Amino acid sequence: MAIRRGRGVAAINYPTGMNLGGDPTQALVHSTPTGNFMVTLSSVDLGQGMKQIMAQICAETIG
């Protein structure tokens, strides 16, 4: 069997934010017809407690 040699090139893009590359600190708040609020975060909770902290911030801000 002949030895074959070659070259490879790879690239990766990991977009963050709600607009695929937007600001990772943004959040959207929507009110529902039932009177609840839905918060969409552009950051991912990786075990640092992001969901709990954002729930507390929203509760304090919205009232």
Protein backbone atom coordinates (compact mmCIF):
# COMPACT_ATOMS: atom_id res chain seq x y z
CA MET A 1 0.00 0.00 0.00
CA ALA A 2 1.34 3.39 -0.99
CA ILE A 3 1.80 6.15 1.57
CA ARG A 4 -0.41 9.11 0.80
CA ARG A 5 0.15 12.56 2.15
CA GLY A 6 -2.08 15.56 2.04
CA ARG A 7 -3.11 18.74 3.75
CA GLY A 8 -6.34 19.71 5.40
CA VAL A 9 -7.93 22.97 6.34
CA ALA A 10 -10.80 23.42 8.77
CA ALA A 11 -12.69 26.40 10.10
CA ILE A 12 -15.40 26.80 12.70
CA ASN A 13 -17.73 29.61 13.65
CA TYR A 14 -19.60 29.60 16.94
CA PRO A 15 -22.10 32.45 16.74
CA THR A 16 -23.54 33.82 19.95
CA GLY A 17 -26.36 36.18 20.53
CA MET A 18 -29.88 36.15 19.17
CA ASN A 19 -28.88 37.43 15.76
CA LEU A 20 -26.18 34.85 15.11
CA GLY A 21 -23.24 36.90 16.18
CA GLY A 22 -25.04 39.62 18.09
CA ASP A 23 -24.26 40.93 21.51
CA PRO A 24 -24.16 37.99 23.96
CA THR A 25 -25.47 40.21 26.76
CA GLN A 26 -28.84 41.00 25.24
CA ALA A 27 -32.24 39.74 26.38
CA LEU A 28 -35.75 39.97 24.98
CA VAL A 29 -38.81 40.26 27.22
CA HIS A 30 -42.27 39.44 25.85
CA SER A 31 -45.57 39.66 27.68
CA THR A 32 -48.04 36.86 27.00
CA PRO A 33 -51.83 37.21 26.74
CA THR A 34 -52.16 35.44 30.11
CA GLY A 35 -50.18 38.18 31.85
CA ASN A 36 -46.93 36.26 32.15
CA PHE A 37 -43.56 37.35 30.83
CA MET A 38 -41.22 35.30 28.68
CA VAL A 39 -37.53 36.20 28.81
CA THR A 40 -35.21 35.02 26.04
CA LEU A 41 -31.50 35.20 26.79
CA SER A 42 -28.73 35.20 24.25
CA SER A 43 -26.32 33.53 26.66
CA VAL A 44 -26.13 29.88 27.60
CA ASP A 45 -26.34 28.61 31.16
CA LEU A 46 -23.32 26.38 31.64
CA GLY A 47 -23.81 25.74 35.32
CA GLN A 48 -23.04 29.25 36.57
CA GLY A 49 -26.65 29.91 37.64
CA MET A 50 -27.61 32.19 34.76
CA LYS A 51 -31.28 31.13 34.73
CA GLN A 52 -31.76 31.79 38.44
CA ILE A 53 -29.97 35.13 38.35
CA MET A 54 -31.92 36.32 35.31
CA ALA A 55 -35.19 35.24 36.93
CA GLN A 56 -34.29 37.32 39.99
CA ILE A 57 -33.32 40.35 37.88
CA CYS A 58 -36.55 40.12 35.88
CA ALA A 59 -38.69 39.72 38.99
CA GLU A 60 -37.05 42.75 40.59
CA THR A 61 -37.29 44.85 37.42
CA ILE A 62 -40.83 43.95 36.36
CA GLY A 63 -42.16 43.87 39.90
